[in-house]
Amino acid sequence: MGRLLTRREGDKCRLRMMPERRHTNLQEMIHGAVTLSLIDISLFAAMRTLGSGDAGMAVTLELSTQFIGAGKVDKPLDAVVELMRETGRMMFMRGMVEQEDHQVASFSGIVRKSPKRSL
């Protein structure tokens, strides 16, 4: 994936990657698998940034993605995530993948938090 940058923006978390040629498909657009990887990683970035979860042993239980447009290699690709609900064991999130004003994908996901460790 290369270098990833994370920051909190109010009640949202932004995870940014800088696409390179190696991230493209035969049409010179960002490969869908790269977009899906960014989305999955963004859930864990949001977990650490917005929630109380330790991402160490957490797992993705569900990920639903809708591809809206093609990502281009010459602009940063951002996954913007918001935490919808957090319970004792789960985090429910949704978000958008975007390049400036262009929407690439929308998504929702559920992450099961790491189990509590006893000493």
N, C-alpha and C. Protein backbone atom coordinates (compact mmCIF):
# COMPACT_ATOMS: atom_id res chain seq x y z
N MET A 1 0.82 -1.20 0.00
CA MET A 1 0.00 0.00 0.00
C MET A 1 0.86 1.26 0.00
N GLY A 2 2.06 1.17 0.50
CA GLY A 2 2.89 2.37 0.58
C GLY A 2 2.59 3.14 1.84
N ARG A 3 2.98 4.39 1.83
CA ARG A 3 2.81 5.25 3.00
C ARG A 3 1.34 5.60 3.19
N LEU A 4 0.86 5.50 4.43
CA LEU A 4 -0.53 5.85 4.77
C LEU A 4 -0.52 6.94 5.83
N LEU A 5 -1.38 7.91 5.69
CA LEU A 5 -1.50 9.00 6.65
C LEU A 5 -2.89 8.96 7.27
N THR A 6 -2.96 9.16 8.57
CA THR A 6 -4.24 9.14 9.28
C THR A 6 -4.41 10.44 10.06
N ARG A 7 -5.63 10.96 10.04
CA ARG A 7 -5.93 12.10 10.90
C ARG A 7 -7.42 12.10 11.26
N ARG A 8 -7.68 12.67 12.40
CA ARG A 8 -9.06 12.83 12.86
C ARG A 8 -9.59 14.16 12.32
N GLU A 9 -10.82 14.12 11.83
CA GLU A 9 -11.50 15.32 11.35
C GLU A 9 -12.86 15.37 12.02
N GLY A 10 -12.92 15.97 13.19
CA GLY A 10 -14.16 16.00 13.96
C GLY A 10 -14.54 14.61 14.40
N ASP A 11 -15.70 14.13 13.95
CA ASP A 11 -16.16 12.79 14.32
C ASP A 11 -15.82 11.76 13.24
N LYS A 12 -14.90 12.09 12.33
CA LYS A 12 -14.51 11.18 11.26
C LYS A 12 -13.00 10.96 11.28
N CYS A 13 -12.60 9.88 10.63
CA CYS A 13 -11.19 9.55 10.47
C CYS A 13 -10.88 9.49 8.97
N ARG A 14 -9.79 10.14 8.57
CA ARG A 14 -9.37 10.12 7.16
C ARG A 14 -8.07 9.34 7.06
N LEU A 15 -8.06 8.34 6.18
CA LEU A 15 -6.86 7.56 5.89
C LEU A 15 -6.50 7.84 4.43
N ARG A 16 -5.29 8.34 4.21
CA ARG A 16 -4.86 8.74 2.87
C ARG A 16 -3.71 7.86 2.38
N MET A 17 -3.81 7.48 1.12
CA MET A 17 -2.69 6.80 0.45
C MET A 17 -2.33 7.59 -0.79
N MET A 18 -1.08 7.44 -1.20
CA MET A 18 -0.59 8.08 -2.42
C MET A 18 -0.46 6.99 -3.48
N PRO A 19 -1.42 6.87 -4.39
CA PRO A 19 -1.36 5.81 -5.39
C PRO A 19 -0.12 5.91 -6.27
N GLU A 20 0.35 4.75 -6.69
CA GLU A 20 1.48 4.66 -7.61
C GLU A 20 1.06 3.77 -8.78
N ARG A 21 1.88 3.73 -9.79
CA ARG A 21 1.57 2.91 -10.97
C ARG A 21 1.32 1.46 -10.59
N ARG A 22 2.04 0.93 -9.59
CA ARG A 22 1.86 -0.46 -9.17
C ARG A 22 0.46 -0.74 -8.60
N HIS A 23 -0.30 0.30 -8.30
CA HIS A 23 -1.66 0.16 -7.76
C HIS A 23 -2.72 0.16 -8.85
N THR A 24 -2.33 0.22 -10.12
CA THR A 24 -3.30 0.35 -11.19
C THR A 24 -3.61 -0.99 -11.86
N ASN A 25 -4.74 -0.99 -12.57
CA ASN A 25 -5.12 -2.15 -13.38
C ASN A 25 -4.72 -1.90 -14.83
N LEU A 26 -5.17 -2.74 -15.73
CA LEU A 26 -4.80 -2.59 -17.15
C LEU A 26 -5.39 -1.34 -17.79
N GLN A 27 -6.38 -0.74 -17.15
CA GLN A 27 -6.98 0.50 -17.68
C GLN A 27 -6.32 1.74 -17.09
N GLU A 28 -5.23 1.55 -16.33
CA GLU A 28 -4.51 2.66 -15.71
C GLU A 28 -5.33 3.38 -14.63
N MET A 29 -6.31 2.68 -14.06
CA MET A 29 -7.08 3.19 -12.93
C MET A 29 -6.66 2.40 -11.69
N ILE A 30 -6.96 2.94 -10.52
CA ILE A 30 -6.61 2.23 -9.29
C ILE A 30 -7.38 0.92 -9.24
N HIS A 31 -6.67 -0.16 -9.01
CA HIS A 31 -7.28 -1.50 -8.98
C HIS A 31 -8.29 -1.58 -7.84
N GLY A 32 -9.41 -2.26 -8.08
CA GLY A 32 -10.45 -2.41 -7.05
C GLY A 32 -9.93 -3.08 -5.80
N ALA A 33 -9.00 -4.01 -5.93
CA ALA A 33 -8.44 -4.69 -4.75
C ALA A 33 -7.65 -3.72 -3.88
N VAL A 34 -7.01 -2.74 -4.49
CA VAL A 34 -6.29 -1.72 -3.73
C VAL A 34 -7.29 -0.86 -2.96
N THR A 35 -8.38 -0.50 -3.62
CA THR A 35 -9.43 0.28 -2.96
C THR A 35 -10.01 -0.51 -1.79
N LEU A 36 -10.27 -1.80 -1.97
CA LEU A 36 -10.79 -2.64 -0.89
C LEU A 36 -9.80 -2.75 0.26
N SER A 37 -8.52 -2.85 -0.06
CA SER A 37 -7.50 -2.91 1.00
C SER A 37 -7.49 -1.61 1.80
N LEU A 38 -7.55 -0.48 1.10
CA LEU A 38 -7.60 0.81 1.79
C LEU A 38 -8.81 0.88 2.71
N ILE A 39 -9.95 0.42 2.24
CA ILE A 39 -11.17 0.44 3.05
C ILE A 39 -10.99 -0.41 4.30
N ASP A 40 -10.50 -1.62 4.15
CA ASP A 40 -10.34 -2.50 5.30
C ASP A 40 -9.36 -1.90 6.31
N ILE A 41 -8.25 -1.38 5.84
CA ILE A 41 -7.28 -0.75 6.75
C ILE A 41 -7.90 0.47 7.43
N SER A 42 -8.75 1.21 6.70
CA SER A 42 -9.36 2.41 7.27
C SER A 42 -10.28 2.08 8.44
N LEU A 43 -10.90 0.90 8.43
CA LEU A 43 -11.75 0.51 9.57
C LEU A 43 -10.92 0.43 10.84
N PHE A 44 -9.71 -0.11 10.73
CA PHE A 44 -8.84 -0.26 11.89
C PHE A 44 -8.20 1.07 12.30
N ALA A 45 -7.93 1.93 11.33
CA ALA A 45 -7.45 3.28 11.65
C ALA A 45 -8.53 4.04 12.41
N ALA A 46 -9.77 3.91 11.95
CA ALA A 46 -10.89 4.58 12.64
C ALA A 46 -11.11 3.99 14.02
N MET A 47 -10.92 2.69 14.14
CA MET A 47 -11.09 2.03 15.44
C MET A 47 -10.15 2.65 16.47
N ARG A 48 -8.91 2.87 16.08
CA ARG A 48 -7.93 3.45 16.99
C ARG A 48 -8.14 4.95 17.18
N THR A 49 -8.58 5.64 16.14
CA THR A 49 -8.71 7.09 16.18
C THR A 49 -10.01 7.55 16.82
N LEU A 50 -11.11 6.87 16.53
CA LEU A 50 -12.43 7.32 16.97
C LEU A 50 -13.01 6.51 18.12
N GLY A 51 -12.62 5.25 18.24
CA GLY A 51 -13.24 4.38 19.23
C GLY A 51 -12.30 4.04 20.36
N SER A 52 -12.73 3.10 21.15
CA SER A 52 -11.94 2.67 22.30
C SER A 52 -11.26 1.34 22.03
N GLY A 53 -11.30 0.89 20.78
CA GLY A 53 -10.80 -0.43 20.45
C GLY A 53 -9.31 -0.51 20.25
N ASP A 54 -8.74 -1.64 20.65
CA ASP A 54 -7.37 -1.98 20.36
C ASP A 54 -7.41 -2.80 19.08
N ALA A 55 -6.78 -2.31 18.03
CA ALA A 55 -6.88 -2.96 16.73
C ALA A 55 -6.00 -4.21 16.61
N GLY A 56 -5.19 -4.50 17.62
CA GLY A 56 -4.24 -5.60 17.54
C GLY A 56 -4.82 -6.95 17.16
N MET A 57 -5.80 -7.43 17.86
CA MET A 57 -6.40 -8.74 17.60
C MET A 57 -7.82 -8.62 17.06
N ALA A 58 -8.22 -7.44 16.63
CA ALA A 58 -9.55 -7.22 16.08
C ALA A 58 -9.66 -7.86 14.70
N VAL A 59 -10.88 -8.15 14.28
CA VAL A 59 -11.11 -8.75 12.96
C VAL A 59 -12.30 -8.09 12.27
N THR A 60 -12.23 -8.04 10.95
CA THR A 60 -13.35 -7.55 10.14
C THR A 60 -14.38 -8.66 10.05
N LEU A 61 -15.60 -8.39 10.50
CA LEU A 61 -16.68 -9.38 10.39
C LEU A 61 -17.47 -9.21 9.10
N GLU A 62 -17.66 -7.98 8.71
CA GLU A 62 -18.46 -7.71 7.51
C GLU A 62 -17.94 -6.46 6.84
N LEU A 63 -17.90 -6.50 5.51
CA LEU A 63 -17.51 -5.33 4.73
C LEU A 63 -18.34 -5.31 3.46
N SER A 64 -19.11 -4.25 3.29
CA SER A 64 -19.94 -4.07 2.12
C SER A 64 -19.44 -2.85 1.36
N THR A 65 -19.18 -3.01 0.07
CA THR A 65 -18.60 -1.93 -0.72
C THR A 65 -19.39 -1.74 -2.01
N GLN A 66 -19.60 -0.49 -2.36
CA GLN A 66 -20.23 -0.15 -3.62
C GLN A 66 -19.24 0.73 -4.38
N PHE A 67 -18.79 0.26 -5.53
CA PHE A 67 -17.88 1.05 -6.36
C PHE A 67 -18.72 2.07 -7.13
N ILE A 68 -18.32 3.33 -7.06
CA ILE A 68 -19.08 4.42 -7.66
C ILE A 68 -18.36 4.98 -8.89
N GLY A 69 -17.05 5.08 -8.81
CA GLY A 69 -16.27 5.65 -9.91
C GLY A 69 -14.85 5.11 -9.87
N ALA A 70 -14.09 5.42 -10.89
CA ALA A 70 -12.71 4.95 -10.99
C ALA A 70 -11.77 5.90 -10.25
N GLY A 71 -10.79 5.31 -9.57
CA GLY A 71 -9.75 6.10 -8.93
C GLY A 71 -8.59 6.33 -9.88
N LYS A 72 -8.02 7.52 -9.84
CA LYS A 72 -6.91 7.86 -10.72
C LYS A 72 -5.60 7.83 -9.93
N VAL A 73 -4.54 7.51 -10.62
CA VAL A 73 -3.26 7.32 -9.96
C VAL A 73 -2.55 8.63 -9.61
N ASP A 74 -2.97 9.74 -10.17
CA ASP A 74 -2.25 11.00 -9.99
C ASP A 74 -2.74 11.86 -8.82
N LYS A 75 -3.66 11.34 -8.01
CA LYS A 75 -4.19 12.11 -6.88
C LYS A 75 -4.25 11.22 -5.64
N PRO A 76 -4.12 11.82 -4.44
CA PRO A 76 -4.26 11.03 -3.22
C PRO A 76 -5.64 10.37 -3.15
N LEU A 77 -5.69 9.17 -2.58
CA LEU A 77 -6.94 8.43 -2.42
C LEU A 77 -7.24 8.38 -0.93
N ASP A 78 -8.41 8.88 -0.52
CA ASP A 78 -8.78 8.98 0.89
C ASP A 78 -9.98 8.10 1.21
N ALA A 79 -9.88 7.40 2.34
CA ALA A 79 -11.04 6.72 2.92
C ALA A 79 -11.45 7.54 4.14
N VAL A 80 -12.68 8.02 4.14
CA VAL A 80 -13.20 8.84 5.24
C VAL A 80 -14.24 8.00 5.96
N VAL A 81 -13.99 7.73 7.24
CA VAL A 81 -14.80 6.78 8.01
C VAL A 81 -15.45 7.48 9.19
N GLU A 82 -16.71 7.10 9.45
CA GLU A 82 -17.37 7.57 10.68
C GLU A 82 -17.85 6.37 11.47
N LEU A 83 -17.76 6.49 12.77
CA LEU A 83 -18.21 5.46 13.69
C LEU A 83 -19.69 5.66 13.95
N MET A 84 -20.49 4.68 13.56
CA MET A 84 -21.94 4.79 13.73
C MET A 84 -22.38 4.35 15.12
N ARG A 85 -21.76 3.25 15.61
CA ARG A 85 -22.12 2.73 16.93
C ARG A 85 -20.99 1.86 17.43
N GLU A 86 -20.77 1.91 18.72
CA GLU A 86 -19.78 1.05 19.35
C GLU A 86 -20.43 0.34 20.53
N THR A 87 -20.26 -0.96 20.58
CA THR A 87 -20.75 -1.75 21.71
C THR A 87 -19.53 -2.33 22.43
N GLY A 88 -19.76 -3.18 23.38
CA GLY A 88 -18.66 -3.79 24.10
C GLY A 88 -17.73 -4.60 23.23
N ARG A 89 -18.26 -5.25 22.21
CA ARG A 89 -17.44 -6.11 21.35
C ARG A 89 -17.39 -5.71 19.88
N MET A 90 -18.24 -4.80 19.46
CA MET A 90 -18.35 -4.49 18.03
C MET A 90 -18.24 -2.99 17.78
N MET A 91 -17.78 -2.67 16.55
CA MET A 91 -17.79 -1.30 16.06
C MET A 91 -18.44 -1.31 14.68
N PHE A 92 -19.43 -0.46 14.50
CA PHE A 92 -20.17 -0.35 13.25
C PHE A 92 -19.77 0.97 12.58
N MET A 93 -19.25 0.88 11.35
CA MET A 93 -18.71 2.06 10.69
C MET A 93 -19.21 2.15 9.24
N ARG A 94 -19.13 3.36 8.70
CA ARG A 94 -19.45 3.56 7.29
C ARG A 94 -18.55 4.67 6.76
N GLY A 95 -18.44 4.71 5.43
CA GLY A 95 -17.57 5.75 4.89
C GLY A 95 -17.59 5.84 3.39
N MET A 96 -16.71 6.71 2.90
CA MET A 96 -16.57 6.98 1.47
C MET A 96 -15.09 6.96 1.11
N VAL A 97 -14.80 6.48 -0.08
CA VAL A 97 -13.46 6.62 -0.65
C VAL A 97 -13.57 7.72 -1.69
N GLU A 98 -12.66 8.70 -1.59
CA GLU A 98 -12.77 9.86 -2.47
C GLU A 98 -11.40 10.35 -2.92
N GLN A 99 -11.42 11.05 -4.03
CA GLN A 99 -10.27 11.79 -4.54
C GLN A 99 -10.75 13.20 -4.79
N GLU A 100 -10.35 14.10 -3.91
CA GLU A 100 -10.85 15.47 -3.94
C GLU A 100 -12.38 15.43 -3.92
N ASP A 101 -13.07 15.93 -4.95
CA ASP A 101 -14.54 15.93 -4.97
C ASP A 101 -15.13 14.72 -5.67
N HIS A 102 -14.29 13.79 -6.15
CA HIS A 102 -14.73 12.62 -6.90
C HIS A 102 -14.93 11.43 -5.95
N GLN A 103 -16.11 10.82 -5.97
CA GLN A 103 -16.38 9.65 -5.14
C GLN A 103 -15.99 8.38 -5.89
N VAL A 104 -15.22 7.53 -5.21
CA VAL A 104 -14.74 6.28 -5.80
C VAL A 104 -15.56 5.09 -5.28
N ALA A 105 -15.89 5.09 -3.98
CA ALA A 105 -16.65 3.97 -3.40
C ALA A 105 -17.31 4.41 -2.10
N SER A 106 -18.38 3.73 -1.76
CA SER A 106 -18.98 3.88 -0.43
C SER A 106 -18.89 2.51 0.24
N PHE A 107 -18.90 2.50 1.57
CA PHE A 107 -18.75 1.23 2.27
C PHE A 107 -19.34 1.28 3.67
N SER A 108 -19.60 0.11 4.21
CA SER A 108 -19.95 -0.04 5.62
C SER A 108 -19.27 -1.31 6.11
N GLY A 109 -18.92 -1.31 7.37
CA GLY A 109 -18.22 -2.46 7.91
C GLY A 109 -18.47 -2.64 9.39
N ILE A 110 -18.29 -3.87 9.83
CA ILE A 110 -18.40 -4.23 11.25
C ILE A 110 -17.09 -4.89 11.65
N VAL A 111 -16.51 -4.39 12.73
CA VAL A 111 -15.27 -4.94 13.27
C VAL A 111 -15.53 -5.45 14.67
N ARG A 112 -15.05 -6.68 14.93
CA ARG A 112 -15.11 -7.24 16.28
C ARG A 112 -13.83 -6.83 16.98
N LYS A 113 -13.97 -6.20 18.13
CA LYS A 113 -12.83 -5.71 18.89
C LYS A 113 -12.00 -6.85 19.45
N SER A 114 -10.77 -6.50 19.80
CA SER A 114 -9.88 -7.47 20.44
C SER A 114 -10.49 -7.91 21.76
N PRO A 115 -10.34 -9.20 22.10
CA PRO A 115 -10.85 -9.64 23.40
C PRO A 115 -10.05 -8.99 24.52
N LYS A 116 -10.72 -8.76 25.64
CA LYS A 116 -10.04 -8.21 26.81
C LYS A 116 -9.03 -9.20 27.31
N ARG A 117 -7.85 -8.71 27.60
CA ARG A 117 -6.79 -9.57 28.13
C ARG A 117 -6.79 -9.52 29.64
N SER A 118 -6.68 -10.69 30.22
CA SER A 118 -6.61 -10.74 31.68
C SER A 118 -5.14 -10.91 32.09
N LEU A 119 -4.78 -10.31 33.19
CA LEU A 119 -3.39 -10.35 33.64
C LEU A 119 -3.13 -11.55 34.48
